[in-house]
């Protein structure tokens, strides 16, 4: 069955605006029984936004957040 929150991607994108700087934070799916939650993120695609700073997990290297 497909997860109703993340649609089986395992992740959600949370937008934050701090001091005029936009950050998109990638968080694991919040549904407790989602079987895909927390899988490493290999690619993030955001249309029409110029986000260049990529924060990767220090040991595993997967994407954690992207910002201006």
N, C-alpha and C. Protein backbone atom coordinates (compact mmCIF):
# COMPACT_ATOMS: atom_id res chain seq x y z
N UNK A 1 0.84 -1.18 0.00
CA UNK A 1 0.00 0.00 0.00
C UNK A 1 0.89 1.25 0.00
N UNK A 2 0.54 2.22 -0.79
CA UNK A 2 1.31 3.46 -0.90
C UNK A 2 1.09 4.35 0.32
N UNK A 3 2.18 4.91 0.85
CA UNK A 3 2.09 5.83 1.99
C UNK A 3 1.33 7.09 1.56
N UNK A 4 0.36 7.49 2.36
CA UNK A 4 -0.47 8.65 2.01
C UNK A 4 0.23 9.98 2.23
N UNK A 5 1.31 10.00 2.99
CA UNK A 5 2.02 11.25 3.27
C UNK A 5 3.19 11.48 2.31
N UNK A 6 4.06 10.50 2.16
CA UNK A 6 5.26 10.69 1.33
C UNK A 6 5.15 10.04 -0.05
N UNK A 7 4.08 9.28 -0.30
CA UNK A 7 3.87 8.58 -1.57
C UNK A 7 5.04 7.66 -1.90
N UNK A 8 5.54 6.98 -0.88
CA UNK A 8 6.62 5.99 -0.98
C UNK A 8 7.98 6.55 -1.38
N UNK A 9 8.20 7.84 -1.15
CA UNK A 9 9.55 8.38 -1.34
C UNK A 9 10.37 8.19 -0.07
N UNK A 10 9.70 8.12 1.08
CA UNK A 10 10.38 7.95 2.37
C UNK A 10 10.75 9.26 3.04
N UNK A 11 10.55 10.40 2.31
CA UNK A 11 10.99 11.69 2.83
C UNK A 11 9.95 12.77 2.58
N UNK A 12 10.03 13.84 3.38
CA UNK A 12 9.22 15.03 3.20
C UNK A 12 10.16 16.22 3.11
N UNK A 13 9.74 17.28 2.43
CA UNK A 13 10.55 18.49 2.37
C UNK A 13 9.86 19.57 3.18
N UNK A 14 10.57 20.10 4.17
CA UNK A 14 10.05 21.15 5.02
C UNK A 14 10.76 22.45 4.67
N UNK A 15 9.99 23.48 4.32
CA UNK A 15 10.57 24.77 3.94
C UNK A 15 10.68 25.67 5.16
N UNK A 16 11.83 26.32 5.31
CA UNK A 16 12.06 27.26 6.40
C UNK A 16 12.60 28.56 5.82
N UNK A 17 12.19 29.68 6.40
CA UNK A 17 12.68 30.98 5.97
C UNK A 17 13.28 31.66 7.20
N UNK A 18 14.59 31.68 7.27
CA UNK A 18 15.29 32.27 8.40
C UNK A 18 16.06 33.49 7.92
N UNK A 19 15.67 34.64 8.44
CA UNK A 19 16.34 35.90 8.10
C UNK A 19 16.39 36.12 6.59
N UNK A 20 15.30 35.78 5.91
CA UNK A 20 15.24 35.98 4.47
C UNK A 20 15.97 34.94 3.64
N UNK A 21 16.48 33.88 4.26
CA UNK A 21 17.20 32.83 3.56
C UNK A 21 16.36 31.55 3.60
N UNK A 22 16.06 31.02 2.43
CA UNK A 22 15.22 29.84 2.33
C UNK A 22 16.06 28.58 2.46
N UNK A 23 15.59 27.67 3.30
CA UNK A 23 16.22 26.36 3.43
C UNK A 23 15.14 25.30 3.29
N UNK A 24 15.43 24.29 2.50
CA UNK A 24 14.55 23.14 2.41
C UNK A 24 15.22 22.00 3.15
N UNK A 25 14.56 21.53 4.19
CA UNK A 25 15.11 20.46 5.01
C UNK A 25 14.40 19.17 4.65
N UNK A 26 15.15 18.13 4.45
CA UNK A 26 14.60 16.85 4.07
C UNK A 26 14.49 16.01 5.34
N UNK A 27 13.25 15.62 5.68
CA UNK A 27 13.03 14.86 6.92
C UNK A 27 12.36 13.52 6.59
N UNK A 28 12.63 12.49 7.39
CA UNK A 28 11.99 11.20 7.15
C UNK A 28 10.48 11.32 7.27
N UNK A 29 9.76 10.47 6.56
CA UNK A 29 8.31 10.44 6.62
C UNK A 29 7.85 10.31 8.07
N UNK A 30 6.78 11.02 8.41
CA UNK A 30 6.29 11.06 9.78
C UNK A 30 5.30 9.96 10.12
N UNK A 31 4.87 9.19 9.14
CA UNK A 31 3.94 8.10 9.38
C UNK A 31 4.72 6.93 10.01
N UNK A 32 4.34 6.51 11.23
CA UNK A 32 5.12 5.48 11.95
C UNK A 32 5.29 4.16 11.20
N UNK A 33 4.30 3.73 10.44
CA UNK A 33 4.42 2.43 9.77
C UNK A 33 4.82 2.53 8.30
N UNK A 34 5.35 3.68 7.88
CA UNK A 34 5.83 3.84 6.50
C UNK A 34 7.08 2.97 6.31
N UNK A 35 7.01 2.07 5.36
CA UNK A 35 8.13 1.14 5.14
C UNK A 35 9.30 1.79 4.42
N UNK A 36 9.10 2.95 3.81
CA UNK A 36 10.15 3.63 3.05
C UNK A 36 10.85 4.72 3.85
N UNK A 37 10.35 5.07 5.03
CA UNK A 37 10.85 6.20 5.81
C UNK A 37 12.33 6.10 6.12
N UNK A 38 13.05 7.20 5.83
CA UNK A 38 14.45 7.30 6.22
C UNK A 38 15.46 6.74 5.26
N UNK A 39 15.05 6.29 4.09
CA UNK A 39 16.03 5.80 3.13
C UNK A 39 16.91 6.95 2.65
N UNK A 40 18.18 6.70 2.34
CA UNK A 40 19.07 7.78 1.89
C UNK A 40 18.52 8.48 0.64
N UNK A 41 18.69 9.81 0.60
CA UNK A 41 18.22 10.62 -0.52
C UNK A 41 19.39 10.81 -1.48
N UNK A 42 19.23 10.41 -2.71
CA UNK A 42 20.30 10.51 -3.70
C UNK A 42 20.13 11.75 -4.57
N UNK A 43 18.89 12.19 -4.78
CA UNK A 43 18.64 13.28 -5.71
C UNK A 43 17.47 14.12 -5.20
N UNK A 44 17.62 15.44 -5.28
CA UNK A 44 16.54 16.36 -4.95
C UNK A 44 16.36 17.29 -6.13
N UNK A 45 15.14 17.41 -6.62
CA UNK A 45 14.85 18.28 -7.75
C UNK A 45 13.83 19.33 -7.32
N UNK A 46 14.21 20.60 -7.45
CA UNK A 46 13.32 21.71 -7.10
C UNK A 46 13.28 22.66 -8.29
N UNK A 47 12.11 22.81 -8.86
CA UNK A 47 11.98 23.65 -10.06
C UNK A 47 11.92 25.13 -9.69
N UNK A 48 12.58 25.97 -10.49
CA UNK A 48 12.53 27.43 -10.38
C UNK A 48 13.10 28.01 -9.09
N UNK A 49 13.87 27.27 -8.35
CA UNK A 49 14.54 27.79 -7.16
C UNK A 49 16.04 27.66 -7.37
N UNK A 50 16.78 28.65 -6.94
CA UNK A 50 18.24 28.60 -7.08
C UNK A 50 18.84 28.27 -5.72
N UNK A 51 18.84 27.01 -5.39
CA UNK A 51 19.39 26.53 -4.13
C UNK A 51 20.69 25.80 -4.46
N UNK A 52 21.78 26.30 -3.91
CA UNK A 52 23.09 25.77 -4.30
C UNK A 52 23.84 25.07 -3.17
N UNK A 53 23.56 25.45 -1.93
CA UNK A 53 24.30 24.87 -0.81
C UNK A 53 23.65 23.55 -0.38
N UNK A 54 24.36 22.48 -0.57
CA UNK A 54 23.84 21.16 -0.25
C UNK A 54 24.53 20.67 1.02
N UNK A 55 23.73 20.31 2.00
CA UNK A 55 24.27 19.75 3.24
C UNK A 55 24.11 18.23 3.19
N UNK A 56 25.23 17.55 3.29
CA UNK A 56 25.21 16.08 3.24
C UNK A 56 25.54 15.49 4.60
N UNK A 57 25.05 14.30 4.82
CA UNK A 57 25.34 13.58 6.07
C UNK A 57 26.85 13.37 6.14
N UNK A 58 27.48 13.71 7.27
CA UNK A 58 28.95 13.66 7.35
C UNK A 58 29.57 12.28 7.16
N UNK A 59 28.87 11.23 7.54
CA UNK A 59 29.45 9.89 7.40
C UNK A 59 28.92 9.14 6.18
N UNK A 60 27.62 9.25 5.93
CA UNK A 60 27.00 8.48 4.85
C UNK A 60 26.89 9.22 3.53
N UNK A 61 26.98 10.55 3.56
CA UNK A 61 27.02 11.34 2.34
C UNK A 61 25.69 11.64 1.68
N UNK A 62 24.57 11.20 2.27
CA UNK A 62 23.30 11.50 1.61
C UNK A 62 22.83 12.91 1.94
N UNK A 63 21.94 13.46 1.10
CA UNK A 63 21.48 14.84 1.23
C UNK A 63 20.59 15.01 2.45
N UNK A 64 20.86 16.06 3.25
CA UNK A 64 20.04 16.36 4.43
C UNK A 64 19.25 17.65 4.24
N UNK A 65 19.86 18.66 3.61
CA UNK A 65 19.15 19.92 3.35
C UNK A 65 19.82 20.66 2.19
N UNK A 66 19.04 21.59 1.60
CA UNK A 66 19.58 22.45 0.55
C UNK A 66 19.12 23.87 0.84
N UNK A 67 19.96 24.86 0.53
CA UNK A 67 19.61 26.25 0.83
C UNK A 67 20.21 27.19 -0.21
N UNK A 68 19.80 28.49 -0.12
CA UNK A 68 20.30 29.51 -1.04
C UNK A 68 21.77 29.74 -0.81
